[in-house]
Amino acid sequence: MHTVPEYRHKIVPVVVDRLGGSIKEKHLIDRFWFEANRDEIILNNFGLDPQLFWSLFRKLDSASQRAPHIRAYDDGEPTLRRLKKMGKIISIITVAPHLIAQMEIEKLNDAPYDYYFSITNSKYKQKPDPESLHFVLKKLNVEKEETVYIGNSNEDAYYAKNAGVDFIYLERKEHPFDLKEYAAATIHSLDELFG
């Protein structure tokens, strides 16, 4: 899913401003959106208590608010359909809260997948802690060695590495990615999975 940058550059400053924090540099919003150490960014760069930040952010960042600013990439739906025809097991693991994740999945036009999991609405710690990925693998009865995790962020690279699964970096040119050594491959479109 692609969320237009204007959305995060609008909502994050509103939350920070309402709580009395400050954003010293605009690029910190992008780091917050894509990196694994969000609570550290909230504390050290926005000057706020992460729990207070998340409480207000979750109220303002509703599925209805975000929906007009999100679109599915053109390669998403056809790739899921093609992978299922090949007999692959597909899971969608996200830090998005359940209602936002469901709204995003609906934009894939009933593309097939085997399991969806919202880490935020679970007992598990956020990425890059690997336990949620281990849980999904166990649920699907899939071994780590048989798994490829595809993601588009630094936190995804750490998540896959910590879980002990291969990682493919999907370069969407949305933010800097400096963990290429963690990626078994870098692709610019999901179409490249089929070589």
N, C-alpha and C. Protein backbone atom coordinates (compact mmCIF):
# COMPACT_ATOMS: atom_id res chain seq x y z
N MET A 1 0.83 -1.18 0.00
CA MET A 1 0.00 0.00 0.00
C MET A 1 0.88 1.25 0.00
N HIS A 2 0.43 2.23 -0.71
CA HIS A 2 1.11 3.52 -0.73
C HIS A 2 0.25 4.54 -0.03
N THR A 3 0.80 5.12 1.03
CA THR A 3 0.15 6.24 1.70
C THR A 3 0.85 7.49 1.22
N VAL A 4 0.11 8.43 0.68
CA VAL A 4 0.75 9.63 0.15
C VAL A 4 1.51 10.33 1.27
N PRO A 5 2.73 10.82 0.97
CA PRO A 5 3.55 11.45 2.02
C PRO A 5 2.85 12.61 2.71
N GLU A 6 1.99 13.32 1.98
CA GLU A 6 1.30 14.46 2.56
C GLU A 6 0.48 14.07 3.78
N TYR A 7 -0.01 12.83 3.80
CA TYR A 7 -0.82 12.38 4.94
C TYR A 7 0.02 12.34 6.21
N ARG A 8 1.17 11.67 6.16
CA ARG A 8 2.00 11.60 7.37
C ARG A 8 2.55 12.97 7.74
N HIS A 9 2.82 13.81 6.74
CA HIS A 9 3.36 15.14 7.02
C HIS A 9 2.29 16.09 7.54
N LYS A 10 1.05 15.65 7.49
CA LYS A 10 -0.05 16.42 8.08
C LYS A 10 -0.38 15.90 9.47
N ILE A 11 -0.59 14.57 9.60
CA ILE A 11 -1.11 14.03 10.85
C ILE A 11 -0.07 14.01 11.97
N VAL A 12 1.17 13.65 11.67
CA VAL A 12 2.19 13.58 12.72
C VAL A 12 2.41 14.94 13.38
N PRO A 13 2.59 16.03 12.60
CA PRO A 13 2.73 17.34 13.25
C PRO A 13 1.53 17.76 14.09
N VAL A 14 0.32 17.37 13.67
CA VAL A 14 -0.86 17.70 14.46
C VAL A 14 -0.78 17.04 15.83
N VAL A 15 -0.40 15.77 15.86
CA VAL A 15 -0.28 15.04 17.13
C VAL A 15 0.81 15.67 17.99
N VAL A 16 1.96 15.89 17.40
CA VAL A 16 3.10 16.46 18.14
C VAL A 16 2.74 17.84 18.69
N ASP A 17 2.11 18.67 17.88
CA ASP A 17 1.75 20.02 18.31
C ASP A 17 0.73 19.99 19.44
N ARG A 18 -0.28 19.14 19.33
CA ARG A 18 -1.31 19.07 20.39
C ARG A 18 -0.73 18.63 21.72
N LEU A 19 0.33 17.82 21.67
CA LEU A 19 0.92 17.33 22.92
C LEU A 19 2.06 18.21 23.41
N GLY A 20 2.36 19.29 22.69
CA GLY A 20 3.37 20.23 23.14
C GLY A 20 4.80 19.86 22.77
N GLY A 21 4.96 18.97 21.83
CA GLY A 21 6.30 18.60 21.37
C GLY A 21 6.71 19.45 20.18
N SER A 22 7.81 19.08 19.55
CA SER A 22 8.25 19.80 18.35
C SER A 22 8.99 18.85 17.42
N ILE A 23 8.91 19.15 16.14
CA ILE A 23 9.61 18.38 15.12
C ILE A 23 10.68 19.30 14.55
N LYS A 24 11.93 19.02 14.89
CA LYS A 24 13.01 19.92 14.50
C LYS A 24 13.34 19.85 13.00
N GLU A 25 13.21 18.67 12.42
CA GLU A 25 13.51 18.50 11.00
C GLU A 25 12.43 17.64 10.35
N LYS A 26 12.02 18.07 9.15
CA LYS A 26 10.92 17.40 8.45
C LYS A 26 11.20 15.92 8.17
N HIS A 27 12.46 15.57 7.90
CA HIS A 27 12.79 14.18 7.57
C HIS A 27 12.53 13.22 8.74
N LEU A 28 12.40 13.76 9.95
CA LEU A 28 12.11 12.92 11.11
C LEU A 28 10.72 12.29 11.01
N ILE A 29 9.82 12.94 10.30
CA ILE A 29 8.48 12.37 10.09
C ILE A 29 8.60 11.10 9.24
N ASP A 30 9.42 11.15 8.20
CA ASP A 30 9.63 9.97 7.36
C ASP A 30 10.32 8.86 8.13
N ARG A 31 11.30 9.23 8.95
CA ARG A 31 11.98 8.22 9.78
C ARG A 31 10.97 7.56 10.72
N PHE A 32 10.12 8.37 11.33
CA PHE A 32 9.09 7.83 12.22
C PHE A 32 8.20 6.85 11.46
N TRP A 33 7.83 7.17 10.24
CA TRP A 33 6.86 6.38 9.48
C TRP A 33 7.44 5.03 9.05
N PHE A 34 8.77 4.98 8.77
CA PHE A 34 9.35 3.80 8.15
C PHE A 34 10.36 3.03 8.99
N GLU A 35 10.86 3.60 10.06
CA GLU A 35 11.93 2.93 10.79
C GLU A 35 11.40 2.16 12.00
N ALA A 36 12.29 1.34 12.55
CA ALA A 36 11.90 0.41 13.60
C ALA A 36 11.87 1.03 15.00
N ASN A 37 12.53 2.14 15.17
CA ASN A 37 12.69 2.71 16.52
C ASN A 37 11.75 3.90 16.73
N ARG A 38 10.48 3.71 16.45
CA ARG A 38 9.52 4.81 16.52
C ARG A 38 9.44 5.45 17.91
N ASP A 39 9.41 4.62 18.95
CA ASP A 39 9.30 5.19 20.30
C ASP A 39 10.51 6.06 20.64
N GLU A 40 11.69 5.67 20.16
CA GLU A 40 12.89 6.49 20.39
C GLU A 40 12.78 7.82 19.66
N ILE A 41 12.26 7.80 18.44
CA ILE A 41 12.08 9.03 17.67
C ILE A 41 11.07 9.94 18.37
N ILE A 42 9.98 9.36 18.85
CA ILE A 42 8.95 10.14 19.56
C ILE A 42 9.56 10.79 20.80
N LEU A 43 10.32 10.03 21.55
CA LEU A 43 10.91 10.53 22.80
C LEU A 43 12.04 11.52 22.54
N ASN A 44 13.01 11.12 21.72
CA ASN A 44 14.23 11.92 21.56
C ASN A 44 14.13 13.03 20.54
N ASN A 45 13.27 12.87 19.53
CA ASN A 45 13.20 13.87 18.47
C ASN A 45 11.93 14.72 18.51
N PHE A 46 10.84 14.15 19.03
CA PHE A 46 9.62 14.94 19.17
C PHE A 46 9.45 15.48 20.59
N GLY A 47 10.23 14.93 21.54
CA GLY A 47 10.19 15.38 22.92
C GLY A 47 8.91 14.99 23.64
N LEU A 48 8.38 13.80 23.31
CA LEU A 48 7.10 13.39 23.88
C LEU A 48 7.16 11.99 24.48
N ASP A 49 6.27 11.74 25.41
CA ASP A 49 6.08 10.40 25.96
C ASP A 49 5.43 9.54 24.88
N PRO A 50 6.07 8.43 24.48
CA PRO A 50 5.50 7.60 23.42
C PRO A 50 4.07 7.12 23.68
N GLN A 51 3.74 6.79 24.94
CA GLN A 51 2.38 6.31 25.23
C GLN A 51 1.34 7.40 24.96
N LEU A 52 1.66 8.64 25.35
CA LEU A 52 0.73 9.74 25.08
C LEU A 52 0.61 9.98 23.58
N PHE A 53 1.74 9.93 22.89
CA PHE A 53 1.73 10.12 21.44
C PHE A 53 0.84 9.08 20.77
N TRP A 54 1.06 7.80 21.07
CA TRP A 54 0.31 6.73 20.41
C TRP A 54 -1.18 6.82 20.73
N SER A 55 -1.51 7.19 21.94
CA SER A 55 -2.92 7.29 22.32
C SER A 55 -3.64 8.31 21.44
N LEU A 56 -3.05 9.49 21.26
CA LEU A 56 -3.68 10.51 20.43
C LEU A 56 -3.58 10.16 18.94
N PHE A 57 -2.45 9.63 18.53
CA PHE A 57 -2.26 9.27 17.12
C PHE A 57 -3.31 8.25 16.68
N ARG A 58 -3.55 7.23 17.50
CA ARG A 58 -4.53 6.19 17.15
C ARG A 58 -5.95 6.76 17.06
N LYS A 59 -6.23 7.80 17.86
CA LYS A 59 -7.56 8.43 17.78
C LYS A 59 -7.72 9.22 16.48
N LEU A 60 -6.67 9.91 16.09
CA LEU A 60 -6.76 10.77 14.91
C LEU A 60 -6.54 9.99 13.60
N ASP A 61 -5.73 8.96 13.64
CA ASP A 61 -5.39 8.18 12.45
C ASP A 61 -6.35 7.01 12.29
N SER A 62 -7.59 7.33 12.00
CA SER A 62 -8.61 6.29 11.85
C SER A 62 -8.61 5.76 10.41
N ALA A 63 -9.27 4.64 10.22
CA ALA A 63 -9.37 4.05 8.87
C ALA A 63 -10.06 5.02 7.92
N SER A 64 -11.10 5.69 8.39
CA SER A 64 -11.83 6.62 7.51
C SER A 64 -10.99 7.84 7.17
N GLN A 65 -10.16 8.29 8.11
CA GLN A 65 -9.26 9.42 7.85
C GLN A 65 -8.19 9.04 6.84
N ARG A 66 -7.64 7.84 6.99
CA ARG A 66 -6.51 7.44 6.16
C ARG A 66 -6.93 6.95 4.78
N ALA A 67 -8.10 6.35 4.66
CA ALA A 67 -8.52 5.70 3.42
C ALA A 67 -8.37 6.53 2.15
N PRO A 68 -8.76 7.82 2.16
CA PRO A 68 -8.63 8.59 0.91
C PRO A 68 -7.17 8.84 0.49
N HIS A 69 -6.25 8.58 1.40
CA HIS A 69 -4.83 8.89 1.14
C HIS A 69 -4.02 7.64 0.82
N ILE A 70 -4.71 6.51 0.65
CA ILE A 70 -4.02 5.24 0.41
C ILE A 70 -4.49 4.64 -0.91
N ARG A 71 -3.54 4.05 -1.61
CA ARG A 71 -3.89 3.29 -2.80
C ARG A 71 -3.03 2.03 -2.85
N ALA A 72 -3.57 1.01 -3.45
CA ALA A 72 -2.80 -0.22 -3.63
C ALA A 72 -1.86 -0.03 -4.82
N TYR A 73 -0.64 -0.51 -4.68
CA TYR A 73 0.27 -0.51 -5.83
C TYR A 73 -0.30 -1.43 -6.90
N ASP A 74 -0.04 -1.08 -8.15
CA ASP A 74 -0.58 -1.85 -9.28
C ASP A 74 -0.14 -3.31 -9.28
N ASP A 75 1.02 -3.60 -8.68
CA ASP A 75 1.54 -4.96 -8.71
C ASP A 75 1.05 -5.83 -7.55
N GLY A 76 0.35 -5.26 -6.58
CA GLY A 76 -0.06 -6.00 -5.39
C GLY A 76 -1.07 -7.10 -5.65
N GLU A 77 -2.24 -6.72 -6.14
CA GLU A 77 -3.31 -7.70 -6.38
C GLU A 77 -2.89 -8.80 -7.36
N PRO A 78 -2.32 -8.45 -8.54
CA PRO A 78 -1.95 -9.53 -9.47
C PRO A 78 -0.88 -10.47 -8.91
N THR A 79 0.02 -9.93 -8.09
CA THR A 79 1.07 -10.78 -7.51
C THR A 79 0.47 -11.78 -6.54
N LEU A 80 -0.44 -11.35 -5.68
CA LEU A 80 -1.07 -12.27 -4.74
C LEU A 80 -1.82 -13.37 -5.49
N ARG A 81 -2.54 -12.99 -6.53
CA ARG A 81 -3.28 -13.98 -7.31
C ARG A 81 -2.33 -14.98 -7.98
N ARG A 82 -1.23 -14.49 -8.52
CA ARG A 82 -0.27 -15.36 -9.20
C ARG A 82 0.42 -16.31 -8.23
N LEU A 83 0.80 -15.77 -7.05
CA LEU A 83 1.45 -16.61 -6.05
C LEU A 83 0.52 -17.72 -5.56
N LYS A 84 -0.76 -17.39 -5.36
CA LYS A 84 -1.70 -18.42 -4.91
C LYS A 84 -1.89 -19.50 -5.98
N LYS A 85 -1.91 -19.11 -7.26
CA LYS A 85 -2.03 -20.09 -8.34
C LYS A 85 -0.82 -21.02 -8.36
N MET A 86 0.32 -20.51 -7.89
CA MET A 86 1.54 -21.32 -7.82
C MET A 86 1.56 -22.20 -6.57
N GLY A 87 0.53 -22.07 -5.71
CA GLY A 87 0.45 -22.88 -4.50
C GLY A 87 1.22 -22.33 -3.32
N LYS A 88 1.61 -21.06 -3.37
CA LYS A 88 2.37 -20.45 -2.27
C LYS A 88 1.45 -20.08 -1.12
N ILE A 89 1.99 -20.14 0.09
CA ILE A 89 1.27 -19.71 1.29
C ILE A 89 1.63 -18.23 1.52
N ILE A 90 0.60 -17.41 1.65
CA ILE A 90 0.80 -15.96 1.76
C ILE A 90 0.22 -15.46 3.07
N SER A 91 1.03 -14.70 3.80
CA SER A 91 0.52 -14.03 4.99
C SER A 91 0.81 -12.54 4.87
N ILE A 92 -0.05 -11.75 5.45
CA ILE A 92 0.12 -10.31 5.53
C ILE A 92 0.30 -9.98 7.00
N ILE A 93 1.48 -9.45 7.34
CA ILE A 93 1.78 -9.08 8.73
C ILE A 93 2.03 -7.58 8.74
N THR A 94 1.33 -6.88 9.60
CA THR A 94 1.42 -5.43 9.60
C THR A 94 1.39 -4.88 11.02
N VAL A 95 1.96 -3.68 11.18
CA VAL A 95 1.83 -2.98 12.46
C VAL A 95 0.60 -2.08 12.46
N ALA A 96 -0.06 -1.98 11.32
CA ALA A 96 -1.28 -1.17 11.25
C ALA A 96 -2.34 -1.77 12.17
N PRO A 97 -3.08 -0.92 12.88
CA PRO A 97 -4.19 -1.44 13.68
C PRO A 97 -5.20 -2.15 12.79
N HIS A 98 -5.95 -3.05 13.38
CA HIS A 98 -6.86 -3.93 12.64
C HIS A 98 -7.76 -3.17 11.66
N LEU A 99 -8.42 -2.12 12.09
CA LEU A 99 -9.38 -1.44 11.22
C LEU A 99 -8.69 -0.80 10.02
N ILE A 100 -7.50 -0.26 10.23
CA ILE A 100 -6.75 0.33 9.11
C ILE A 100 -6.26 -0.78 8.19
N ALA A 101 -5.76 -1.86 8.77
CA ALA A 101 -5.28 -2.98 7.95
C ALA A 101 -6.41 -3.56 7.11
N GLN A 102 -7.59 -3.73 7.69
CA GLN A 102 -8.73 -4.26 6.94
C GLN A 102 -9.11 -3.34 5.78
N MET A 103 -9.07 -2.03 6.03
CA MET A 103 -9.37 -1.06 4.97
C MET A 103 -8.35 -1.18 3.85
N GLU A 104 -7.07 -1.35 4.21
CA GLU A 104 -6.02 -1.49 3.19
C GLU A 104 -6.19 -2.78 2.40
N ILE A 105 -6.48 -3.86 3.08
CA ILE A 105 -6.65 -5.15 2.41
C ILE A 105 -7.83 -5.11 1.43
N GLU A 106 -8.88 -4.38 1.78
CA GLU A 106 -10.02 -4.25 0.88
C GLU A 106 -9.62 -3.61 -0.45
N LYS A 107 -8.59 -2.79 -0.43
CA LYS A 107 -8.12 -2.13 -1.65
C LYS A 107 -7.43 -3.11 -2.60
N LEU A 108 -7.23 -4.35 -2.15
CA LEU A 108 -6.62 -5.38 -2.99
C LEU A 108 -7.68 -6.20 -3.75
N ASN A 109 -8.93 -5.77 -3.68
CA ASN A 109 -10.00 -6.37 -4.49
C ASN A 109 -10.13 -7.88 -4.35
N ASP A 110 -10.19 -8.34 -3.10
CA ASP A 110 -10.35 -9.77 -2.82
C ASP A 110 -9.21 -10.63 -3.33
N ALA A 111 -8.04 -10.07 -3.44
CA ALA A 111 -6.87 -10.88 -3.81
C ALA A 111 -6.66 -11.92 -2.70
N PRO A 112 -6.28 -13.14 -3.07
CA PRO A 112 -6.20 -14.22 -2.08
C PRO A 112 -4.95 -14.14 -1.19
N TYR A 113 -5.14 -14.52 0.05
CA TYR A 113 -4.05 -14.69 1.00
C TYR A 113 -4.52 -15.69 2.04
N ASP A 114 -3.56 -16.28 2.77
CA ASP A 114 -3.91 -17.33 3.72
C ASP A 114 -4.16 -16.82 5.13
N TYR A 115 -3.46 -15.77 5.50
CA TYR A 115 -3.57 -15.32 6.89
C TYR A 115 -3.15 -13.86 6.97
N TYR A 116 -3.86 -13.13 7.79
CA TYR A 116 -3.53 -11.72 8.06
C TYR A 116 -3.33 -11.55 9.56
N PHE A 117 -2.37 -10.71 9.93
CA PHE A 117 -2.08 -10.52 11.35
C PHE A 117 -1.69 -9.07 11.63
N SER A 118 -2.42 -8.44 12.54
CA SER A 118 -2.08 -7.09 13.01
C SER A 118 -1.30 -7.21 14.32
N ILE A 119 -0.05 -6.84 14.29
CA ILE A 119 0.77 -6.92 15.50
C ILE A 119 0.23 -5.98 16.57
N THR A 120 -0.24 -4.80 16.15
CA THR A 120 -0.74 -3.80 17.10
C THR A 120 -1.91 -4.34 17.91
N ASN A 121 -2.75 -5.17 17.30
CA ASN A 121 -3.90 -5.73 17.99
C ASN A 121 -3.62 -7.12 18.53
N SER A 122 -2.39 -7.34 18.95
CA SER A 122 -2.02 -8.65 19.50
C SER A 122 -1.24 -8.45 20.79
N LYS A 123 -0.83 -9.57 21.38
CA LYS A 123 -0.05 -9.51 22.61
C LYS A 123 1.44 -9.34 22.32
N TYR A 124 1.81 -9.35 21.04
CA TYR A 124 3.23 -9.33 20.68
C TYR A 124 3.79 -7.91 20.60
N LYS A 125 5.10 -7.81 20.81
CA LYS A 125 5.79 -6.53 20.67
C LYS A 125 5.85 -6.17 19.19
N GLN A 126 6.04 -4.87 18.93
CA GLN A 126 6.11 -4.39 17.55
C GLN A 126 7.36 -4.88 16.85
N LYS A 127 7.37 -4.79 15.52
CA LYS A 127 8.60 -5.03 14.77
C LYS A 127 9.68 -4.10 15.34
N PRO A 128 10.90 -4.53 15.41
CA PRO A 128 11.52 -5.70 14.81
C PRO A 128 11.57 -6.94 15.71
N ASP A 129 10.84 -6.94 16.84
CA ASP A 129 10.78 -8.14 17.65
C ASP A 129 10.19 -9.27 16.81
N PRO A 130 10.84 -10.43 16.72
CA PRO A 130 10.44 -11.46 15.76
C PRO A 130 9.31 -12.38 16.21
N GLU A 131 8.86 -12.27 17.45
CA GLU A 131 7.92 -13.28 17.96
C GLU A 131 6.60 -13.32 17.19
N SER A 132 6.14 -12.19 16.69
CA SER A 132 4.89 -12.21 15.91
C SER A 132 5.07 -12.97 14.60
N LEU A 133 6.23 -12.84 13.98
CA LEU A 133 6.49 -13.60 12.75
C LEU A 133 6.62 -15.08 13.05
N HIS A 134 7.26 -15.42 14.17
CA HIS A 134 7.33 -16.83 14.57
C HIS A 134 5.93 -17.40 14.81
N PHE A 135 5.07 -16.60 15.44
CA PHE A 135 3.69 -17.03 15.68
C PHE A 135 2.97 -17.33 14.36
N VAL A 136 3.11 -16.44 13.38
CA VAL A 136 2.43 -16.63 12.09
C VAL A 136 2.96 -17.87 11.39
N LEU A 137 4.28 -18.08 11.42
CA LEU A 137 4.85 -19.27 10.79
C LEU A 137 4.31 -20.55 11.42
N LYS A 138 4.21 -20.53 12.75
CA LYS A 138 3.67 -21.71 13.45
C LYS A 138 2.20 -21.91 13.09
N LYS A 139 1.45 -20.83 13.04
CA LYS A 139 0.03 -20.90 12.69
C LYS A 139 -0.17 -21.51 11.30
N LEU A 140 0.72 -21.15 10.38
CA LEU A 140 0.61 -21.63 9.00
C LEU A 140 1.37 -22.94 8.77
N ASN A 141 2.05 -23.42 9.82
CA ASN A 141 2.83 -24.65 9.73
C ASN A 141 3.91 -24.56 8.62
N VAL A 142 4.63 -23.44 8.66
CA VAL A 142 5.68 -23.17 7.68
C VAL A 142 7.01 -23.00 8.42
N GLU A 143 8.06 -23.58 7.89
CA GLU A 143 9.40 -23.48 8.49
C GLU A 143 10.06 -22.16 8.08
N LYS A 144 10.95 -21.67 8.95
CA LYS A 144 11.69 -20.44 8.64
C LYS A 144 12.47 -20.57 7.34
N GLU A 145 13.04 -21.74 7.12
CA GLU A 145 13.87 -21.96 5.94
C GLU A 145 13.06 -21.93 4.64
N GLU A 146 11.74 -22.06 4.75
CA GLU A 146 10.87 -22.05 3.58
C GLU A 146 10.27 -20.66 3.34
N THR A 147 10.65 -19.70 4.15
CA THR A 147 9.97 -18.41 4.18
C THR A 147 10.80 -17.30 3.57
N VAL A 148 10.12 -16.44 2.84
CA VAL A 148 10.70 -15.20 2.35
C VAL A 148 9.78 -14.08 2.84
N TYR A 149 10.38 -13.09 3.49
CA TYR A 149 9.62 -11.93 3.96
C TYR A 149 9.93 -10.77 3.02
N ILE A 150 8.89 -10.18 2.45
CA ILE A 150 9.07 -9.06 1.53
C ILE A 150 8.59 -7.81 2.24
N GLY A 151 9.44 -6.78 2.25
CA GLY A 151 9.07 -5.54 2.91
C GLY A 151 9.74 -4.35 2.26
N ASN A 152 9.30 -3.15 2.68
CA ASN A 152 9.80 -1.94 2.06
C ASN A 152 10.39 -0.94 3.04
N SER A 153 10.85 -1.44 4.19
CA SER A 153 11.36 -0.50 5.19
C SER A 153 12.51 -1.10 5.98
N ASN A 154 13.20 -0.22 6.69
CA ASN A 154 14.28 -0.66 7.58
C ASN A 154 13.74 -1.60 8.64
N GLU A 155 12.57 -1.30 9.19
CA GLU A 155 12.03 -2.16 10.24
C GLU A 155 11.73 -3.55 9.71
N ASP A 156 11.33 -3.65 8.44
CA ASP A 156 11.08 -4.96 7.84
C ASP A 156 12.37 -5.77 7.74
N ALA A 157 13.46 -5.10 7.37
CA ALA A 157 14.75 -5.79 7.26
C ALA A 157 15.18 -6.34 8.62
N TYR A 158 15.08 -5.54 9.66
CA TYR A 158 15.44 -6.00 11.01
C TYR A 158 14.51 -7.13 11.46
N TYR A 159 13.24 -6.99 11.15
CA TYR A 159 12.22 -7.98 11.54
C TYR A 159 12.56 -9.35 10.94
N ALA A 160 12.83 -9.37 9.65
CA ALA A 160 13.17 -10.63 8.99
C ALA A 160 14.47 -11.21 9.53
N LYS A 161 15.47 -10.36 9.70
CA LYS A 161 16.77 -10.83 10.21
C LYS A 161 16.60 -11.43 11.60
N ASN A 162 15.88 -10.73 12.48
CA ASN A 162 15.68 -11.21 13.85
C ASN A 162 14.89 -12.53 13.88
N ALA A 163 14.00 -12.71 12.89
CA ALA A 163 13.20 -13.94 12.83
C ALA A 163 13.95 -15.08 12.16
N GLY A 164 15.06 -14.77 11.50
CA GLY A 164 15.84 -15.82 10.84
C GLY A 164 15.26 -16.26 9.51
N VAL A 165 14.57 -15.33 8.81
CA VAL A 165 14.02 -15.66 7.50
C VAL A 165 14.68 -14.77 6.44
N ASP A 166 14.68 -15.24 5.20
CA ASP A 166 15.22 -14.44 4.11
C ASP A 166 14.36 -13.20 3.90
N PHE A 167 15.02 -12.13 3.48
CA PHE A 167 14.33 -10.84 3.29
C PHE A 167 14.55 -10.36 1.87
N ILE A 168 13.47 -9.94 1.22
CA ILE A 168 13.56 -9.27 -0.07
C ILE A 168 13.09 -7.83 0.14
N TYR A 169 13.98 -6.90 -0.23
CA TYR A 169 13.64 -5.49 -0.08
C TYR A 169 12.92 -5.00 -1.33
N LEU A 170 11.73 -4.45 -1.12
CA LEU A 170 10.94 -3.89 -2.20
C LEU A 170 11.15 -2.38 -2.21
N GLU A 171 11.95 -1.91 -3.14
CA GLU A 171 12.30 -0.50 -3.22
C GLU A 171 11.17 0.28 -3.87
N ARG A 172 10.48 1.08 -3.07
CA ARG A 172 9.40 1.91 -3.57
C ARG A 172 9.80 3.38 -3.64
N LYS A 173 11.06 3.67 -3.32
CA LYS A 173 11.60 5.04 -3.36
C LYS A 173 10.80 6.01 -2.49
N GLU A 174 10.37 5.52 -1.32
CA GLU A 174 9.61 6.36 -0.40
C GLU A 174 10.48 6.95 0.71
N HIS A 175 11.65 6.35 0.92
CA HIS A 175 12.49 6.77 2.04
C HIS A 175 13.87 6.14 1.86
N PRO A 176 14.87 6.63 2.58
CA PRO A 176 16.20 6.01 2.50
C PRO A 176 16.19 4.61 3.13
N PHE A 177 16.88 3.70 2.48
CA PHE A 177 17.03 2.34 3.01
C PHE A 177 18.52 2.04 3.08
N ASP A 178 19.00 1.78 4.28
CA ASP A 178 20.46 1.62 4.44
C ASP A 178 20.84 0.24 4.97
N LEU A 179 19.98 -0.76 4.75
CA LEU A 179 20.26 -2.10 5.25
C LEU A 179 20.30 -3.12 4.12
N LYS A 180 20.86 -2.72 2.99
CA LYS A 180 20.87 -3.61 1.81
C LYS A 180 21.60 -4.91 2.08
N GLU A 181 22.54 -4.89 3.03
CA GLU A 181 23.25 -6.13 3.35
C GLU A 181 22.34 -7.17 4.00
N TYR A 182 21.18 -6.75 4.50
CA TYR A 182 20.22 -7.68 5.10
C TYR A 182 19.33 -8.35 4.06
N ALA A 183 19.35 -7.83 2.84
CA ALA A 183 18.43 -8.31 1.81
C ALA A 183 19.07 -9.37 0.92
N ALA A 184 18.35 -10.48 0.75
CA ALA A 184 18.80 -11.50 -0.19
C ALA A 184 18.69 -10.98 -1.60
N ALA A 185 17.75 -10.05 -1.82
CA ALA A 185 17.57 -9.42 -3.13
C ALA A 185 16.85 -8.09 -2.94
N THR A 186 17.03 -7.21 -3.90
CA THR A 186 16.29 -5.96 -3.95
C THR A 186 15.50 -5.94 -5.25
N ILE A 187 14.21 -5.67 -5.14
CA ILE A 187 13.37 -5.59 -6.33
C ILE A 187 12.68 -4.22 -6.35
N HIS A 188 12.25 -3.80 -7.53
CA HIS A 188 11.57 -2.51 -7.67
C HIS A 188 10.11 -2.67 -8.00
N SER A 189 9.70 -3.91 -8.22
CA SER A 189 8.30 -4.25 -8.48
C SER A 189 8.11 -5.70 -8.07
N LEU A 190 6.93 -6.02 -7.58
CA LEU A 190 6.63 -7.41 -7.23
C LEU A 190 6.67 -8.32 -8.46
N ASP A 191 6.51 -7.74 -9.64
CA ASP A 191 6.60 -8.53 -10.87
C ASP A 191 7.95 -9.23 -11.00
N GLU A 192 8.99 -8.64 -10.39
CA GLU A 192 10.33 -9.22 -10.47
C GLU A 192 10.45 -10.54 -9.71
N LEU A 193 9.49 -10.86 -8.87
CA LEU A 193 9.52 -12.14 -8.17
C LEU A 193 9.41 -13.31 -9.15
N PHE A 194 8.86 -13.04 -10.30
CA PHE A 194 8.62 -14.11 -11.27
C PHE A 194 9.68 -14.15 -12.37
N GLY A 195 10.72 -13.35 -12.21
CA GLY A 195 11.91 -13.35 -13.02
C GLY A 195 11.79 -13.15 -14.46
